[in-house]
Amino acid sequence: GSGNPFVVRVSTDQHGCVRLEVHDQARDTGPVLA
């Protein structure tokens, strides 16, 4: 609803590990497990 875009970042390392990130502009505490 804010109209602000979000960013998806993917990082890999030499061992094949992957880090997935989603950056948004909401300053809330973020998602939690129900």
Full PDB file with SEQRES, HELIX, SHEET, SSBOND, CRYST1, ORIGX, SCALE, CONECT and MASTER records, all heavy atoms in Angstrom:
SEQRES   1 A   34  GLY SER GLY ASN PRO PHE VAL VAL ARG VAL SER THR ASP          
SEQRES   2 A   34  GLN HIS GLY CYS VAL ARG LEU GLU VAL HIS ASP GLN ALA          
SEQRES   3 A   34  ARG ASP THR GLY PRO VAL LEU ALA                              
SHEET    1 AA1 2 VAL A   7  THR A  12  0                                        
SHEET    2 AA1 2 VAL A  18  HIS A  23 -1                                        
CRYST1    1.000    1.000    1.000  90.00  90.00  90.00 P 1           1          
ORIGX1      1.000000  0.000000  0.000000        0.00000                         
ORIGX2      0.000000  1.000000  0.000000        0.00000                         
ORIGX3      0.000000  0.000000  1.000000        0.00000                         
SCALE1      1.000000  0.000000  0.000000        0.00000                         
SCALE2      0.000000  1.000000  0.000000        0.00000                         
SCALE3      0.000000  0.000000  1.000000        0.00000                         
ATOM      1  N   GLY A   1       0.805  -1.213   0.000  1.00  0.00           N  
ATOM      2  CA  GLY A   1       0.000   0.000   0.000  1.00  0.00           C  
ATOM      3  C   GLY A   1       0.839   1.266   0.000  1.00  0.00           C  
ATOM      4  O   GLY A   1       0.382   2.323  -0.387  1.00  0.00           O  
ATOM      5  N   SER A   2       2.099   1.141   0.404  1.00  0.00           N  
ATOM      6  CA  SER A   2       2.970   2.316   0.459  1.00  0.00           C  
ATOM      7  C   SER A   2       3.487   2.706  -0.922  1.00  0.00           C  
ATOM      8  O   SER A   2       3.950   3.822  -1.111  1.00  0.00           O  
ATOM      9  CB  SER A   2       4.169   2.033   1.369  1.00  0.00           C  
ATOM     10  OG  SER A   2       5.002   1.049   0.772  1.00  0.00           O  
ATOM     11  N   GLY A   3       3.442   1.770  -1.856  1.00  0.00           N  
ATOM     12  CA  GLY A   3       3.982   2.032  -3.186  1.00  0.00           C  
ATOM     13  C   GLY A   3       5.485   1.901  -3.271  1.00  0.00           C  
ATOM     14  O   GLY A   3       6.077   2.081  -4.323  1.00  0.00           O  
ATOM     15  N   ASN A   4       6.133   1.572  -2.153  1.00  0.00           N  
ATOM     16  CA  ASN A   4       7.585   1.430  -2.144  1.00  0.00           C  
ATOM     17  C   ASN A   4       7.998   0.059  -2.675  1.00  0.00           C  
ATOM     18  O   ASN A   4       7.410  -0.953  -2.299  1.00  0.00           O  
ATOM     19  CB  ASN A   4       8.136   1.593  -0.724  1.00  0.00           C  
ATOM     20  CG  ASN A   4       7.964   3.000  -0.215  1.00  0.00           C  
ATOM     21  OD1 ASN A   4       8.116   3.960  -0.959  1.00  0.00           O  
ATOM     22  ND2 ASN A   4       7.627   3.124   1.056  1.00  0.00           N  
ATOM     23  N   PRO A   5       9.006   0.027  -3.521  1.00  0.00           N  
ATOM     24  CA  PRO A   5       9.477  -1.257  -4.047  1.00  0.00           C  
ATOM     25  C   PRO A   5      10.195  -2.069  -2.977  1.00  0.00           C  
ATOM     26  O   PRO A   5      10.504  -1.576  -1.892  1.00  0.00           O  
ATOM     27  CB  PRO A   5      10.446  -0.845  -5.153  1.00  0.00           C  
ATOM     28  CG  PRO A   5      10.926   0.506  -4.751  1.00  0.00           C  
ATOM     29  CD  PRO A   5       9.786   1.152  -4.015  1.00  0.00           C  
ATOM     30  N   PHE A   6      10.438  -3.336  -3.298  1.00  0.00           N  
ATOM     31  CA  PHE A   6      11.239  -4.183  -2.429  1.00  0.00           C  
ATOM     32  C   PHE A   6      12.387  -4.753  -3.249  1.00  0.00           C  
ATOM     33  O   PHE A   6      12.336  -4.770  -4.481  1.00  0.00           O  
ATOM     34  CB  PHE A   6      10.408  -5.292  -1.769  1.00  0.00           C  
ATOM     35  CG  PHE A   6       9.797  -6.286  -2.721  1.00  0.00           C  
ATOM     36  CD1 PHE A   6      10.429  -7.490  -2.998  1.00  0.00           C  
ATOM     37  CD2 PHE A   6       8.579  -6.026  -3.333  1.00  0.00           C  
ATOM     38  CE1 PHE A   6       9.875  -8.413  -3.866  1.00  0.00           C  
ATOM     39  CE2 PHE A   6       8.008  -6.943  -4.210  1.00  0.00           C  
ATOM     40  CZ  PHE A   6       8.663  -8.138  -4.474  1.00  0.00           C  
ATOM     41  N   VAL A   7      13.431  -5.186  -2.578  1.00  0.00           N  
ATOM     42  CA  VAL A   7      14.635  -5.698  -3.237  1.00  0.00           C  
ATOM     43  C   VAL A   7      14.829  -7.154  -2.837  1.00  0.00           C  
ATOM     44  O   VAL A   7      14.693  -7.506  -1.657  1.00  0.00           O  
ATOM     45  CB  VAL A   7      15.878  -4.874  -2.836  1.00  0.00           C  
ATOM     46  CG1 VAL A   7      17.159  -5.498  -3.375  1.00  0.00           C  
ATOM     47  CG2 VAL A   7      15.739  -3.439  -3.329  1.00  0.00           C  
ATOM     48  N   VAL A   8      15.145  -7.987  -3.830  1.00  0.00           N  
ATOM     49  CA  VAL A   8      15.537  -9.371  -3.566  1.00  0.00           C  
ATOM     50  C   VAL A   8      17.019  -9.477  -3.858  1.00  0.00           C  
ATOM     51  O   VAL A   8      17.481  -9.079  -4.923  1.00  0.00           O  
ATOM     52  CB  VAL A   8      14.745 -10.359  -4.448  1.00  0.00           C  
ATOM     53  CG1 VAL A   8      15.261 -11.786  -4.259  1.00  0.00           C  
ATOM     54  CG2 VAL A   8      13.256 -10.279  -4.142  1.00  0.00           C  
ATOM     55  N   ARG A   9      17.775  -9.981  -2.877  1.00  0.00           N  
ATOM     56  CA  ARG A   9      19.220 -10.174  -3.025  1.00  0.00           C  
ATOM     57  C   ARG A   9      19.531 -11.651  -2.800  1.00  0.00           C  
ATOM     58  O   ARG A   9      19.032 -12.256  -1.859  1.00  0.00           O  
ATOM     59  CB  ARG A   9      19.982  -9.323  -2.016  1.00  0.00           C  
ATOM     60  CG  ARG A   9      21.501  -9.511  -2.124  1.00  0.00           C  
ATOM     61  CD  ARG A   9      22.248  -8.706  -1.089  1.00  0.00           C  
ATOM     62  NE  ARG A   9      22.093  -7.287  -1.390  1.00  0.00           N  
ATOM     63  CZ  ARG A   9      22.349  -6.313  -0.523  1.00  0.00           C  
ATOM     64  NH1 ARG A   9      22.759  -6.592   0.686  1.00  0.00           N  
ATOM     65  NH2 ARG A   9      22.207  -5.055  -0.876  1.00  0.00           N  
ATOM     66  N   VAL A  10      20.354 -12.205  -3.683  1.00  0.00           N  
ATOM     67  CA  VAL A  10      20.801 -13.595  -3.563  1.00  0.00           C  
ATOM     68  C   VAL A  10      22.321 -13.587  -3.508  1.00  0.00           C  
ATOM     69  O   VAL A  10      22.974 -12.970  -4.342  1.00  0.00           O  
ATOM     70  CB  VAL A  10      20.326 -14.448  -4.760  1.00  0.00           C  
ATOM     71  CG1 VAL A  10      20.784 -15.883  -4.617  1.00  0.00           C  
ATOM     72  CG2 VAL A  10      18.817 -14.378  -4.911  1.00  0.00           C  
ATOM     73  N   SER A  11      22.874 -14.280  -2.521  1.00  0.00           N  
ATOM     74  CA  SER A  11      24.323 -14.400  -2.375  1.00  0.00           C  
ATOM     75  C   SER A  11      24.677 -15.875  -2.293  1.00  0.00           C  
ATOM     76  O   SER A  11      23.961 -16.656  -1.664  1.00  0.00           O  
ATOM     77  CB  SER A  11      24.803 -13.715  -1.101  1.00  0.00           C  
ATOM     78  OG  SER A  11      24.415 -12.370  -1.078  1.00  0.00           O  
ATOM     79  N   THR A  12      25.781 -16.228  -2.923  1.00  0.00           N  
ATOM     80  CA  THR A  12      26.309 -17.583  -2.791  1.00  0.00           C  
ATOM     81  C   THR A  12      27.758 -17.484  -2.345  1.00  0.00           C  
ATOM     82  O   THR A  12      28.406 -16.458  -2.536  1.00  0.00           O  
ATOM     83  CB  THR A  12      26.237 -18.382  -4.105  1.00  0.00           C  
ATOM     84  OG1 THR A  12      27.062 -17.742  -5.074  1.00  0.00           O  
ATOM     85  CG2 THR A  12      24.814 -18.471  -4.623  1.00  0.00           C  
ATOM     86  N   ASP A  13      28.250 -18.569  -1.761  1.00  0.00           N  
ATOM     87  CA  ASP A  13      29.659 -18.594  -1.403  1.00  0.00           C  
ATOM     88  C   ASP A  13      30.341 -19.782  -2.070  1.00  0.00           C  
ATOM     89  O   ASP A  13      29.708 -20.546  -2.795  1.00  0.00           O  
ATOM     90  CB  ASP A  13      29.858 -18.577   0.116  1.00  0.00           C  
ATOM     91  CG  ASP A  13      29.412 -19.849   0.809  1.00  0.00           C  
ATOM     92  OD1 ASP A  13      29.164 -20.873   0.139  1.00  0.00           O  
ATOM     93  OD2 ASP A  13      29.318 -19.833   2.038  1.00  0.00           O  
ATOM     94  N   GLN A  14      31.638 -19.921  -1.809  1.00  0.00           N  
ATOM     95  CA  GLN A  14      32.426 -20.946  -2.483  1.00  0.00           C  
ATOM     96  C   GLN A  14      31.998 -22.361  -2.106  1.00  0.00           C  
ATOM     97  O   GLN A  14      32.334 -23.310  -2.786  1.00  0.00           O  
ATOM     98  CB  GLN A  14      33.932 -20.749  -2.213  1.00  0.00           C  
ATOM     99  CG  GLN A  14      34.350 -20.994  -0.780  1.00  0.00           C  
ATOM    100  CD  GLN A  14      34.236 -19.762   0.110  1.00  0.00           C  
ATOM    101  OE1 GLN A  14      33.529 -18.795  -0.200  1.00  0.00           O  
ATOM    102  NE2 GLN A  14      34.940 -19.784   1.238  1.00  0.00           N  
ATOM    103  N   HIS A  15      31.227 -22.518  -1.029  1.00  0.00           N  
ATOM    104  CA  HIS A  15      30.775 -23.832  -0.591  1.00  0.00           C  
ATOM    105  C   HIS A  15      29.398 -24.180  -1.139  1.00  0.00           C  
ATOM    106  O   HIS A  15      28.891 -25.257  -0.857  1.00  0.00           O  
ATOM    107  CB  HIS A  15      30.756 -23.902   0.930  1.00  0.00           C  
ATOM    108  CG  HIS A  15      32.082 -23.592   1.547  1.00  0.00           C  
ATOM    109  ND1 HIS A  15      33.184 -24.401   1.415  1.00  0.00           N  
ATOM    110  CD2 HIS A  15      32.482 -22.533   2.285  1.00  0.00           C  
ATOM    111  CE1 HIS A  15      34.205 -23.866   2.051  1.00  0.00           C  
ATOM    112  NE2 HIS A  15      33.802 -22.722   2.582  1.00  0.00           N  
ATOM    113  N   GLY A  16      28.777 -23.256  -1.850  1.00  0.00           N  
ATOM    114  CA  GLY A  16      27.448 -23.491  -2.392  1.00  0.00           C  
ATOM    115  C   GLY A  16      26.322 -23.076  -1.469  1.00  0.00           C  
ATOM    116  O   GLY A  16      25.165 -23.361  -1.744  1.00  0.00           O  
ATOM    117  N   CYS A  17      26.647 -22.426  -0.371  1.00  0.00           N  
ATOM    118  CA  CYS A  17      25.613 -21.909   0.526  1.00  0.00           C  
ATOM    119  C   CYS A  17      24.935 -20.725  -0.156  1.00  0.00           C  
ATOM    120  O   CYS A  17      25.564 -19.973  -0.892  1.00  0.00           O  
ATOM    121  CB  CYS A  17      26.218 -21.461   1.848  1.00  0.00           C  
ATOM    122  SG  CYS A  17      27.053 -22.762   2.747  1.00  0.00           S  
ATOM    123  N   VAL A  18      23.657 -20.566   0.091  1.00  0.00           N  
ATOM    124  CA  VAL A  18      22.885 -19.482  -0.510  1.00  0.00           C  
ATOM    125  C   VAL A  18      22.208 -18.693   0.605  1.00  0.00           C  
ATOM    126  O   VAL A  18      21.644 -19.261   1.535  1.00  0.00           O  
ATOM    127  CB  VAL A  18      21.816 -20.021  -1.483  1.00  0.00           C  
ATOM    128  CG1 VAL A  18      20.929 -18.896  -1.995  1.00  0.00           C  
ATOM    129  CG2 VAL A  18      22.462 -20.765  -2.631  1.00  0.00           C  
ATOM    130  N   ARG A  19      22.288 -17.388   0.486  1.00  0.00           N  
ATOM    131  CA  ARG A  19      21.572 -16.484   1.383  1.00  0.00           C  
ATOM    132  C   ARG A  19      20.583 -15.706   0.528  1.00  0.00           C  
ATOM    133  O   ARG A  19      20.953 -15.053  -0.443  1.00  0.00           O  
ATOM    134  CB  ARG A  19      22.540 -15.540   2.088  1.00  0.00           C  
ATOM    135  CG  ARG A  19      21.833 -14.605   3.056  1.00  0.00           C  
ATOM    136  CD  ARG A  19      22.858 -13.680   3.711  1.00  0.00           C  
ATOM    137  NE  ARG A  19      22.211 -12.657   4.485  1.00  0.00           N  
ATOM    138  CZ  ARG A  19      21.937 -12.753   5.778  1.00  0.00           C  
ATOM    139  NH1 ARG A  19      22.245 -13.842   6.434  1.00  0.00           N  
ATOM    140  NH2 ARG A  19      21.352 -11.757   6.416  1.00  0.00           N  
ATOM    141  N   LEU A  20      19.323 -15.792   0.890  1.00  0.00           N  
ATOM    142  CA  LEU A  20      18.243 -15.090   0.216  1.00  0.00           C  
ATOM    143  C   LEU A  20      17.772 -13.977   1.135  1.00  0.00           C  
ATOM    144  O   LEU A  20      17.529 -14.212   2.324  1.00  0.00           O  
ATOM    145  CB  LEU A  20      17.099 -16.066  -0.067  1.00  0.00           C  
ATOM    146  CG  LEU A  20      15.797 -15.483  -0.587  1.00  0.00           C  
ATOM    147  CD1 LEU A  20      15.996 -14.881  -1.971  1.00  0.00           C  
ATOM    148  CD2 LEU A  20      14.731 -16.564  -0.612  1.00  0.00           C  
ATOM    149  N   GLU A  21      17.665 -12.763   0.599  1.00  0.00           N  
ATOM    150  CA  GLU A  21      17.203 -11.621   1.390  1.00  0.00           C  
ATOM    151  C   GLU A  21      16.101 -10.895   0.640  1.00  0.00           C  
ATOM    152  O   GLU A  21      16.183 -10.729  -0.575  1.00  0.00           O  
ATOM    153  CB  GLU A  21      18.336 -10.628   1.629  1.00  0.00           C  
ATOM    154  CG  GLU A  21      19.516 -11.179   2.366  1.00  0.00           C  
ATOM    155  CD  GLU A  21      20.662 -10.187   2.490  1.00  0.00           C  
ATOM    156  OE1 GLU A  21      20.598  -9.081   1.892  1.00  0.00           O  
ATOM    157  OE2 GLU A  21      21.626 -10.517   3.183  1.00  0.00           O  
ATOM    158  N   VAL A  22      15.099 -10.453   1.376  1.00  0.00           N  
ATOM    159  CA  VAL A  22      14.087  -9.553   0.830  1.00  0.00           C  
ATOM    160  C   VAL A  22      14.107  -8.303   1.702  1.00  0.00           C  
ATOM    161  O   VAL A  22      13.874  -8.362   2.908  1.00  0.00           O  
ATOM    162  CB  VAL A  22      12.689 -10.197   0.797  1.00  0.00           C  
ATOM    163  CG1 VAL A  22      11.652  -9.179   0.340  1.00  0.00           C  
ATOM    164  CG2 VAL A  22      12.688 -11.408  -0.137  1.00  0.00           C  
ATOM    165  N   HIS A  23      14.447  -7.189   1.075  1.00  0.00           N  
ATOM    166  CA  HIS A  23      14.543  -5.888   1.745  1.00  0.00           C  
ATOM    167  C   HIS A  23      13.258  -5.118   1.440  1.00  0.00           C  
ATOM    168  O   HIS A  23      12.872  -5.011   0.276  1.00  0.00           O  
ATOM    169  CB  HIS A  23      15.707  -5.077   1.182  1.00  0.00           C  
ATOM    170  CG  HIS A  23      17.039  -5.728   1.351  1.00  0.00           C  
ATOM    171  ND1 HIS A  23      18.023  -5.187   2.143  1.00  0.00           N  
ATOM    172  CD2 HIS A  23      17.560  -6.868   0.823  1.00  0.00           C  
ATOM    173  CE1 HIS A  23      19.095  -5.966   2.100  1.00  0.00           C  
ATOM    174  NE2 HIS A  23      18.838  -6.987   1.298  1.00  0.00           N  
ATOM    175  N   ASP A  24      12.620  -4.600   2.485  1.00  0.00           N  
ATOM    176  CA  ASP A  24      11.487  -3.710   2.241  1.00  0.00           C  
ATOM    177  C   ASP A  24      11.632  -2.474   3.113  1.00  0.00           C  
ATOM    178  O   ASP A  24      12.537  -2.390   3.938  1.00  0.00           O  
ATOM    179  CB  ASP A  24      10.140  -4.422   2.434  1.00  0.00           C  
ATOM    180  CG  ASP A  24       9.867  -4.833   3.867  1.00  0.00           C  
ATOM    181  OD1 ASP A  24      10.082  -4.021   4.794  1.00  0.00           O  
ATOM    182  OD2 ASP A  24       9.434  -5.978   4.081  1.00  0.00           O  
ATOM    183  N   GLN A  25      10.764  -1.518   2.888  1.00  0.00           N  
ATOM    184  CA  GLN A  25      10.901  -0.240   3.570  1.00  0.00           C  
ATOM    185  C   GLN A  25       9.966  -0.088   4.764  1.00  0.00           C  
ATOM    186  O   GLN A  25       9.832   1.002   5.306  1.00  0.00           O  
ATOM    187  CB  GLN A  25      10.716   0.889   2.561  1.00  0.00           C  
ATOM    188  CG  GLN A  25      11.836   0.872   1.532  1.00  0.00           C  
ATOM    189  CD  GLN A  25      11.708   1.967   0.507  1.00  0.00           C  
ATOM    190  OE1 GLN A  25      11.205   3.049   0.801  1.00  0.00           O  
ATOM    191  NE2 GLN A  25      12.167   1.694  -0.707  1.00  0.00           N  
ATOM    192  N   ALA A  26       9.362  -1.191   5.190  1.00  0.00           N  
ATOM    193  CA  ALA A  26       8.527  -1.147   6.393  1.00  0.00           C  
ATOM    194  C   ALA A  26       9.430  -1.221   7.616  1.00  0.00           C  
ATOM    195  O   ALA A  26      10.370  -2.005   7.654  1.00  0.00           O  
ATOM    196  CB  ALA A  26       7.541  -2.307   6.392  1.00  0.00           C  
ATOM    197  N   ARG A  27       9.152  -0.407   8.585  1.00  0.00           N  
ATOM    198  CA  ARG A  27       9.985  -0.371   9.788  1.00  0.00           C  
ATOM    199  C   ARG A  27       9.379  -1.194  10.928  1.00  0.00           C  
ATOM    200  O   ARG A  27       9.764  -1.044  12.076  1.00  0.00           O  
ATOM    201  CB  ARG A  27      10.216   1.063  10.221  1.00  0.00           C  
ATOM    202  CG  ARG A  27      11.028   1.829   9.192  1.00  0.00           C  
ATOM    203  CD  ARG A  27      11.592   3.094   9.789  1.00  0.00           C  
ATOM    204  NE  ARG A  27      12.379   3.797   8.801  1.00  0.00           N  
ATOM    205  CZ  ARG A  27      13.662   3.603   8.587  1.00  0.00           C  
ATOM    206  NH1 ARG A  27      14.306   2.703   9.286  1.00  0.00           N  
ATOM    207  NH2 ARG A  27      14.319   4.284   7.673  1.00  0.00           N  
ATOM    208  N   ASP A  28       8.463  -2.090  10.588  1.00  0.00           N  
ATOM    209  CA  ASP A  28       7.892  -2.949  11.620  1.00  0.00           C  
ATOM    210  C   ASP A  28       8.911  -4.011  12.027  1.00  0.00           C  
ATOM    211  O   ASP A  28      10.012  -4.080  11.493  1.00  0.00           O  
ATOM    212  CB  ASP A  28       6.589  -3.590  11.141  1.00  0.00           C  
ATOM    213  CG  ASP A  28       6.767  -4.445   9.889  1.00  0.00           C  
ATOM    214  OD1 ASP A  28       7.913  -4.725   9.496  1.00  0.00           O  
ATOM    215  OD2 ASP A  28       5.748  -4.833   9.302  1.00  0.00           O  
ATOM    216  N   THR A  29       8.552  -4.829  12.966  1.00  0.00           N  
ATOM    217  CA  THR A  29       9.479  -5.846  13.455  1.00  0.00           C  
ATOM    218  C   THR A  29       9.592  -7.027  12.512  1.00  0.00           C  
ATOM    219  O   THR A  29      10.445  -7.880  12.703  1.00  0.00           O  
ATOM    220  CB  THR A  29       9.049  -6.355  14.841  1.00  0.00           C  
ATOM    221  OG1 THR A  29       7.725  -6.884  14.746  1.00  0.00           O  
ATOM    222  CG2 THR A  29       9.125  -5.236  15.861  1.00  0.00           C  
ATOM    223  N   GLY A  30       8.733  -7.088  11.521  1.00  0.00           N  
ATOM    224  CA  GLY A  30       8.827  -8.151  10.533  1.00  0.00           C  
ATOM    225  C   GLY A  30       7.932  -9.325  10.837  1.00  0.00           C  
ATOM    226  O   GLY A  30       7.193  -9.340  11.813  1.00  0.00           O  
ATOM    227  N   PRO A  31       8.024 -10.332   9.990  1.00  0.00           N  
ATOM    228  CA  PRO A  31       7.147 -11.493  10.123  1.00  0.00           C  
ATOM    229  C   PRO A  31       7.524 -12.335  11.342  1.00  0.00           C  
ATOM    230  O   PRO A  31       8.669 -12.338  11.790  1.00  0.00           O  
ATOM    231  CB  PRO A  31       7.389 -12.267   8.836  1.00  0.00           C  
ATOM    232  CG  PRO A  31       8.763 -11.881   8.411  1.00  0.00           C  
ATOM    233  CD  PRO A  31       8.928 -10.454   8.859  1.00  0.00           C  
ATOM    234  N   VAL A  32       6.534 -13.025  11.849  1.00  0.00           N  
ATOM    235  CA  VAL A  32       6.729 -13.945  12.962  1.00  0.00           C  
ATOM    236  C   VAL A  32       5.992 -15.239  12.637  1.00  0.00           C  
ATOM    237  O   VAL A  32       5.089 -15.262  11.800  1.00  0.00           O  
ATOM    238  CB  VAL A  32       6.209 -13.370  14.303  1.00  0.00           C  
ATOM    239  CG1 VAL A  32       7.016 -12.154  14.726  1.00  0.00           C  
ATOM    240  CG2 VAL A  32       4.734 -13.018  14.199  1.00  0.00           C  
ATOM    241  N   LEU A  33       6.372 -16.298  13.310  1.00  0.00           N  
ATOM    242  CA  LEU A  33       5.659 -17.556  13.167  1.00  0.00           C  
ATOM    243  C   LEU A  33       4.346 -17.472  13.932  1.00  0.00           C  
ATOM    244  O   LEU A  33       4.316 -17.016  15.076  1.00  0.00           O  
ATOM    245  CB  LEU A  33       6.491 -18.717  13.707  1.00  0.00           C  
ATOM    246  CG  LEU A  33       7.727 -19.072  12.903  1.00  0.00           C  
ATOM    247  CD1 LEU A  33       8.533 -20.135  13.635  1.00  0.00           C  
ATOM    248  CD2 LEU A  33       7.345 -19.564  11.521  1.00  0.00           C  
ATOM    249  N   ALA A  34       3.284 -17.923  13.288  1.00  0.00           N  
ATOM    250  CA  ALA A  34       1.983 -17.928  13.956  1.00  0.00           C  
ATOM    251  C   ALA A  34       1.967 -18.991  15.048  1.00  0.00           C  
ATOM    252  O   ALA A  34       2.471 -20.098  14.850  1.00  0.00           O  
ATOM    253  CB  ALA A  34       0.884 -18.195  12.934  1.00  0.00           C  
TER     254      ALA A  34                                                      
MASTER        0    0    0    0    2    0    0    6  253    1    0    3          
END                                                                             
